[in-house]
N, C-alpha and C. Protein backbone atom coordinates (compact mmCIF):
# COMPACT_ATOMS: atom_id res chain seq x y z
N MET A 1 -6.01 3.27 -21.22
CA MET A 1 -7.12 2.50 -20.74
C MET A 1 -8.22 3.45 -20.32
N ALA A 2 -9.43 3.18 -20.71
CA ALA A 2 -10.55 4.06 -20.39
C ALA A 2 -10.92 3.94 -18.92
N LYS A 3 -11.31 5.05 -18.34
CA LYS A 3 -11.74 5.05 -16.95
C LYS A 3 -13.11 4.39 -16.84
N GLN A 4 -13.29 3.55 -15.81
CA GLN A 4 -14.56 2.88 -15.63
C GLN A 4 -15.58 3.85 -15.05
N PRO A 5 -16.85 3.74 -15.47
CA PRO A 5 -17.88 4.59 -14.89
C PRO A 5 -18.01 4.33 -13.39
N GLU A 6 -18.40 5.35 -12.64
CA GLU A 6 -18.51 5.20 -11.18
C GLU A 6 -19.50 4.13 -10.77
N ASN A 7 -20.51 3.87 -11.59
CA ASN A 7 -21.52 2.87 -11.23
C ASN A 7 -21.17 1.47 -11.75
N TYR A 8 -19.95 1.29 -12.26
CA TYR A 8 -19.48 0.00 -12.77
C TYR A 8 -19.47 -1.01 -11.64
N ARG A 9 -20.08 -2.17 -11.85
CA ARG A 9 -20.19 -3.19 -10.80
C ARG A 9 -19.37 -4.45 -11.11
N GLY A 10 -18.63 -4.45 -12.21
CA GLY A 10 -17.85 -5.62 -12.60
C GLY A 10 -16.54 -5.73 -11.84
N LEU A 11 -15.75 -6.70 -12.24
CA LEU A 11 -14.46 -6.97 -11.62
C LEU A 11 -13.50 -5.80 -11.81
N ASP A 12 -12.86 -5.37 -10.74
CA ASP A 12 -11.84 -4.31 -10.82
C ASP A 12 -10.54 -4.98 -11.23
N ARG A 13 -10.07 -4.68 -12.42
CA ARG A 13 -8.87 -5.33 -12.95
C ARG A 13 -7.60 -4.55 -12.69
N ARG A 14 -7.73 -3.40 -12.06
CA ARG A 14 -6.53 -2.61 -11.77
C ARG A 14 -5.71 -3.34 -10.71
N ARG A 15 -4.41 -3.43 -10.92
CA ARG A 15 -3.56 -4.24 -10.06
C ARG A 15 -2.72 -3.42 -9.09
N HIS A 16 -2.55 -2.13 -9.37
CA HIS A 16 -1.70 -1.27 -8.54
C HIS A 16 -2.53 -0.30 -7.71
N ARG A 17 -2.04 -0.02 -6.51
CA ARG A 17 -2.62 1.03 -5.69
C ARG A 17 -1.55 1.56 -4.76
N ILE A 18 -1.78 2.76 -4.27
CA ILE A 18 -0.87 3.40 -3.32
C ILE A 18 -1.67 3.74 -2.07
N LEU A 19 -1.15 3.34 -0.92
CA LEU A 19 -1.72 3.76 0.36
C LEU A 19 -0.78 4.81 0.93
N ILE A 20 -1.33 5.98 1.22
CA ILE A 20 -0.51 7.12 1.64
C ILE A 20 -0.77 7.45 3.10
N THR A 21 0.32 7.48 3.87
CA THR A 21 0.25 7.92 5.27
C THR A 21 0.98 9.26 5.36
N GLU A 22 1.11 9.79 6.55
CA GLU A 22 1.72 11.12 6.72
C GLU A 22 3.12 11.21 6.12
N ASN A 23 3.93 10.21 6.33
CA ASN A 23 5.33 10.27 5.91
C ASN A 23 5.69 9.35 4.74
N THR A 24 4.82 8.40 4.41
CA THR A 24 5.21 7.31 3.53
C THR A 24 4.13 6.95 2.52
N GLU A 25 4.57 6.54 1.33
CA GLU A 25 3.69 5.96 0.32
C GLU A 25 4.01 4.47 0.23
N TYR A 26 2.99 3.64 0.35
CA TYR A 26 3.14 2.19 0.21
C TYR A 26 2.52 1.80 -1.13
N HIS A 27 3.34 1.25 -2.03
CA HIS A 27 2.90 0.90 -3.38
C HIS A 27 2.67 -0.60 -3.45
N PHE A 28 1.48 -0.99 -3.93
CA PHE A 28 1.08 -2.39 -3.97
C PHE A 28 0.78 -2.84 -5.38
N ARG A 29 1.06 -4.10 -5.63
CA ARG A 29 0.64 -4.78 -6.84
C ARG A 29 -0.01 -6.08 -6.39
N ASP A 30 -1.26 -6.26 -6.77
CA ASP A 30 -2.01 -7.47 -6.40
C ASP A 30 -1.96 -7.72 -4.89
N GLY A 31 -2.01 -6.65 -4.10
CA GLY A 31 -2.07 -6.78 -2.65
C GLY A 31 -0.73 -6.92 -1.95
N LEU A 32 0.36 -6.96 -2.69
CA LEU A 32 1.69 -7.12 -2.11
C LEU A 32 2.45 -5.80 -2.21
N CYS A 33 3.06 -5.35 -1.12
CA CYS A 33 3.81 -4.10 -1.12
C CYS A 33 5.10 -4.31 -1.91
N ILE A 34 5.21 -3.61 -3.04
CA ILE A 34 6.39 -3.80 -3.89
C ILE A 34 7.30 -2.58 -3.93
N ALA A 35 6.88 -1.47 -3.32
CA ALA A 35 7.73 -0.28 -3.27
C ALA A 35 7.25 0.62 -2.13
N VAL A 36 8.20 1.29 -1.49
CA VAL A 36 7.90 2.22 -0.41
C VAL A 36 8.69 3.50 -0.67
N ARG A 37 7.99 4.65 -0.59
CA ARG A 37 8.67 5.92 -0.87
C ARG A 37 8.44 6.90 0.26
N ASP A 38 9.51 7.58 0.66
CA ASP A 38 9.46 8.63 1.66
C ASP A 38 8.80 9.85 1.03
N ARG A 39 7.74 10.36 1.63
CA ARG A 39 7.00 11.48 1.04
C ARG A 39 7.77 12.80 1.11
N GLN A 40 8.64 12.97 2.11
CA GLN A 40 9.38 14.23 2.22
C GLN A 40 10.51 14.32 1.20
N THR A 41 11.23 13.23 1.01
CA THR A 41 12.39 13.25 0.12
C THR A 41 12.08 12.74 -1.29
N GLY A 42 11.01 11.95 -1.42
CA GLY A 42 10.70 11.33 -2.71
C GLY A 42 11.57 10.12 -3.01
N GLU A 43 12.43 9.74 -2.06
CA GLU A 43 13.35 8.61 -2.26
C GLU A 43 12.65 7.28 -1.99
N TRP A 44 13.00 6.28 -2.79
CA TRP A 44 12.51 4.93 -2.58
C TRP A 44 13.27 4.31 -1.42
N MET A 45 12.58 3.59 -0.55
CA MET A 45 13.17 2.96 0.64
C MET A 45 13.30 1.47 0.34
N THR A 46 14.46 1.05 -0.15
CA THR A 46 14.64 -0.30 -0.65
C THR A 46 14.84 -1.36 0.43
N ASP A 47 14.96 -0.94 1.69
CA ASP A 47 15.12 -1.92 2.77
C ASP A 47 13.99 -1.82 3.79
N HIS A 48 12.85 -1.27 3.40
CA HIS A 48 11.73 -1.06 4.32
C HIS A 48 11.11 -2.40 4.73
N VAL A 49 10.68 -2.53 5.98
CA VAL A 49 10.13 -3.77 6.51
C VAL A 49 8.82 -4.17 5.81
N ALA A 50 8.09 -3.24 5.21
CA ALA A 50 6.82 -3.57 4.55
C ALA A 50 7.00 -4.22 3.18
N LEU A 51 8.19 -4.11 2.60
CA LEU A 51 8.41 -4.64 1.26
C LEU A 51 8.14 -6.15 1.19
N LEU A 52 7.45 -6.54 0.14
CA LEU A 52 7.09 -7.93 -0.15
C LEU A 52 6.13 -8.51 0.88
N ARG A 53 5.35 -7.64 1.51
CA ARG A 53 4.35 -8.07 2.48
C ARG A 53 3.00 -7.47 2.11
N PRO A 54 1.93 -8.19 2.41
CA PRO A 54 0.60 -7.60 2.27
C PRO A 54 0.26 -6.82 3.54
N VAL A 55 -0.72 -5.94 3.47
CA VAL A 55 -1.23 -5.32 4.68
C VAL A 55 -2.00 -6.40 5.42
N SER A 56 -1.69 -6.61 6.69
CA SER A 56 -2.35 -7.65 7.47
C SER A 56 -3.70 -7.19 8.02
N GLY A 57 -3.87 -5.89 8.11
CA GLY A 57 -5.09 -5.30 8.64
C GLY A 57 -4.83 -3.84 8.94
N SER A 58 -5.71 -3.27 9.72
CA SER A 58 -5.51 -1.88 10.12
C SER A 58 -6.06 -1.69 11.52
N LEU A 59 -5.70 -0.57 12.12
CA LEU A 59 -6.09 -0.28 13.49
C LEU A 59 -6.71 1.10 13.57
N GLN A 60 -7.86 1.16 14.22
CA GLN A 60 -8.51 2.45 14.46
C GLN A 60 -8.26 2.81 15.92
N ILE A 61 -7.70 4.00 16.15
CA ILE A 61 -7.47 4.45 17.51
C ILE A 61 -8.64 5.34 17.90
N LEU A 62 -9.37 4.91 18.90
CA LEU A 62 -10.58 5.61 19.34
C LEU A 62 -10.23 6.80 20.24
N PRO A 63 -11.14 7.76 20.37
CA PRO A 63 -10.87 8.95 21.20
C PRO A 63 -10.48 8.63 22.64
N ASN A 64 -10.96 7.49 23.18
CA ASN A 64 -10.62 7.13 24.56
C ASN A 64 -9.29 6.37 24.66
N GLY A 65 -8.59 6.22 23.52
CA GLY A 65 -7.30 5.54 23.51
C GLY A 65 -7.37 4.06 23.19
N ALA A 66 -8.57 3.52 23.16
CA ALA A 66 -8.73 2.10 22.83
C ALA A 66 -8.39 1.90 21.35
N ILE A 67 -8.00 0.68 21.02
CA ILE A 67 -7.65 0.34 19.65
C ILE A 67 -8.63 -0.71 19.14
N ARG A 68 -9.20 -0.44 17.97
CA ARG A 68 -10.13 -1.37 17.34
C ARG A 68 -9.47 -1.93 16.09
N PRO A 69 -9.23 -3.25 16.05
CA PRO A 69 -8.62 -3.84 14.85
C PRO A 69 -9.62 -3.98 13.73
N ASN A 70 -9.13 -3.93 12.50
CA ASN A 70 -9.93 -4.13 11.30
C ASN A 70 -9.15 -5.10 10.43
N ILE A 71 -9.69 -6.29 10.19
CA ILE A 71 -8.98 -7.27 9.35
C ILE A 71 -9.37 -7.14 7.88
N GLY A 72 -10.30 -6.24 7.59
CA GLY A 72 -10.69 -5.99 6.21
C GLY A 72 -9.77 -4.96 5.58
N PRO A 73 -10.15 -4.46 4.41
CA PRO A 73 -9.34 -3.43 3.76
C PRO A 73 -9.21 -2.19 4.64
N PRO A 74 -8.03 -1.58 4.69
CA PRO A 74 -7.86 -0.40 5.55
C PRO A 74 -8.72 0.77 5.07
N ARG A 75 -9.20 1.54 6.04
CA ARG A 75 -10.02 2.71 5.75
C ARG A 75 -9.25 3.97 6.12
N ILE A 76 -9.62 5.07 5.49
CA ILE A 76 -9.00 6.36 5.79
C ILE A 76 -9.10 6.60 7.30
N GLY A 77 -7.99 7.04 7.89
CA GLY A 77 -7.93 7.31 9.33
C GLY A 77 -7.41 6.16 10.16
N GLU A 78 -7.32 4.97 9.58
CA GLU A 78 -6.81 3.81 10.30
C GLU A 78 -5.31 3.64 10.03
N ALA A 79 -4.57 3.16 11.02
CA ALA A 79 -3.15 2.86 10.86
C ALA A 79 -3.02 1.51 10.16
N LEU A 80 -2.12 1.41 9.20
CA LEU A 80 -1.87 0.15 8.51
C LEU A 80 -1.07 -0.77 9.43
N PHE A 81 -1.33 -2.06 9.35
CA PHE A 81 -0.63 -3.05 10.16
C PHE A 81 -0.02 -4.09 9.23
N PHE A 82 1.31 -4.23 9.29
CA PHE A 82 2.03 -5.25 8.54
C PHE A 82 2.59 -6.25 9.55
N ALA A 83 2.09 -7.49 9.54
CA ALA A 83 2.64 -8.54 10.40
C ALA A 83 3.86 -9.12 9.70
N THR A 84 4.94 -9.26 10.44
CA THR A 84 6.18 -9.72 9.81
C THR A 84 6.70 -11.02 10.40
N GLY A 85 6.09 -11.50 11.46
CA GLY A 85 6.64 -12.66 12.12
C GLY A 85 7.83 -12.29 12.99
N GLY A 86 8.09 -11.03 13.12
CA GLY A 86 9.19 -10.51 13.91
C GLY A 86 8.81 -9.12 14.39
N ARG A 87 9.48 -8.13 13.86
CA ARG A 87 9.19 -6.74 14.21
C ARG A 87 8.03 -6.25 13.33
N ASP A 88 6.80 -6.27 13.87
CA ASP A 88 5.63 -5.84 13.11
C ASP A 88 5.69 -4.33 12.89
N LEU A 89 4.93 -3.86 11.92
CA LEU A 89 4.91 -2.44 11.59
C LEU A 89 3.50 -1.90 11.72
N ILE A 90 3.35 -0.82 12.46
CA ILE A 90 2.11 -0.06 12.54
C ILE A 90 2.45 1.34 12.05
N THR A 91 1.72 1.81 11.03
CA THR A 91 2.02 3.10 10.43
C THR A 91 1.19 4.21 11.08
N SER A 92 1.43 5.43 10.65
CA SER A 92 0.53 6.52 11.02
C SER A 92 -0.77 6.31 10.24
N PRO A 93 -1.81 7.05 10.56
CA PRO A 93 -3.11 6.83 9.90
C PRO A 93 -3.06 7.02 8.39
N LEU A 94 -3.86 6.22 7.71
CA LEU A 94 -4.01 6.30 6.27
C LEU A 94 -4.70 7.62 5.90
N LEU A 95 -4.07 8.38 5.00
CA LEU A 95 -4.63 9.65 4.56
C LEU A 95 -5.38 9.53 3.25
N GLN A 96 -4.88 8.65 2.37
CA GLN A 96 -5.44 8.59 1.02
C GLN A 96 -5.07 7.28 0.36
N GLU A 97 -5.93 6.81 -0.52
CA GLU A 97 -5.62 5.68 -1.40
C GLU A 97 -5.80 6.18 -2.82
N LYS A 98 -4.84 5.85 -3.68
CA LYS A 98 -4.97 6.25 -5.08
C LYS A 98 -4.27 5.23 -5.97
N ARG A 99 -4.44 5.41 -7.26
CA ARG A 99 -3.80 4.56 -8.26
C ARG A 99 -2.56 5.27 -8.78
N PRO A 100 -1.45 4.56 -8.94
CA PRO A 100 -0.25 5.20 -9.50
C PRO A 100 -0.37 5.34 -11.01
N SER A 101 0.29 6.34 -11.54
CA SER A 101 0.38 6.48 -12.99
C SER A 101 1.37 5.45 -13.51
N LYS A 102 1.32 5.18 -14.79
CA LYS A 102 2.29 4.27 -15.41
C LYS A 102 3.71 4.79 -15.20
N HIS A 103 3.87 6.11 -15.27
CA HIS A 103 5.18 6.73 -15.05
C HIS A 103 5.73 6.37 -13.66
N VAL A 104 4.89 6.41 -12.64
CA VAL A 104 5.34 6.06 -11.28
C VAL A 104 5.69 4.58 -11.20
N VAL A 105 4.85 3.72 -11.75
CA VAL A 105 5.13 2.27 -11.73
C VAL A 105 6.45 1.98 -12.42
N ASP A 106 6.70 2.64 -13.55
CA ASP A 106 7.95 2.43 -14.28
C ASP A 106 9.16 2.98 -13.53
N ALA A 107 8.94 3.87 -12.55
CA ALA A 107 10.03 4.47 -11.79
C ALA A 107 10.39 3.68 -10.54
N TYR A 108 9.70 2.56 -10.27
CA TYR A 108 10.05 1.76 -9.09
C TYR A 108 11.51 1.36 -9.17
N PRO A 109 12.18 1.21 -8.02
CA PRO A 109 13.60 0.82 -8.02
C PRO A 109 13.83 -0.44 -8.86
N ALA A 110 15.00 -0.53 -9.46
CA ALA A 110 15.32 -1.59 -10.42
C ALA A 110 15.01 -2.99 -9.87
N GLY A 111 15.44 -3.28 -8.67
CA GLY A 111 15.18 -4.60 -8.10
C GLY A 111 13.70 -4.89 -7.94
N LEU A 112 12.94 -3.85 -7.63
CA LEU A 112 11.51 -4.03 -7.45
C LEU A 112 10.80 -4.16 -8.79
N ARG A 113 11.31 -3.54 -9.84
CA ARG A 113 10.72 -3.72 -11.16
C ARG A 113 10.81 -5.19 -11.55
N GLY A 114 11.93 -5.84 -11.23
CA GLY A 114 12.06 -7.26 -11.51
C GLY A 114 11.08 -8.09 -10.72
N LEU A 115 10.89 -7.73 -9.46
CA LEU A 115 9.90 -8.42 -8.63
C LEU A 115 8.51 -8.21 -9.20
N ARG A 116 8.25 -6.99 -9.67
CA ARG A 116 6.95 -6.68 -10.24
C ARG A 116 6.66 -7.61 -11.40
N ARG A 117 7.64 -7.83 -12.26
CA ARG A 117 7.44 -8.74 -13.39
C ARG A 117 7.27 -10.17 -12.90
N ARG A 118 8.06 -10.57 -11.91
CA ARG A 118 7.99 -11.94 -11.41
C ARG A 118 6.61 -12.24 -10.83
N PHE A 119 6.03 -11.27 -10.10
CA PHE A 119 4.73 -11.49 -9.47
C PHE A 119 3.57 -11.23 -10.41
N SER A 120 3.82 -10.76 -11.61
CA SER A 120 2.73 -10.43 -12.52
C SER A 120 2.27 -11.64 -13.33
N HIS A 121 2.97 -12.73 -13.31
CA HIS A 121 2.60 -13.92 -14.08
C HIS A 121 1.90 -14.91 -13.15
N HIS A 122 0.58 -14.88 -13.17
CA HIS A 122 -0.21 -15.79 -12.29
C HIS A 122 -0.64 -16.99 -13.06
């Protein structure tokens, strides 16, 4: 697939993205977390609380210790927030957002590859 020019203003049709924090990669398809990988070991975390959840928002921790919520897309430096209806998850600050290669998407754990196919038919 050809890379879109930087000044492209049309619909972004890319469905996958990775949000990277200090210790963890959160892999998303259409806004839903479908895989989580430990950055130190490279192992997929198949029982992680973020799986099958969207990012609910993010939190910016200010120099004075105050916390500013952001309900929009997370920005670099903000902690990701996953609301679970139980034990919520707040991550370390977001370091980077990128797109996974096809090789990485194809390497998702077997059960998640099935979920990926299930959620791809809209």
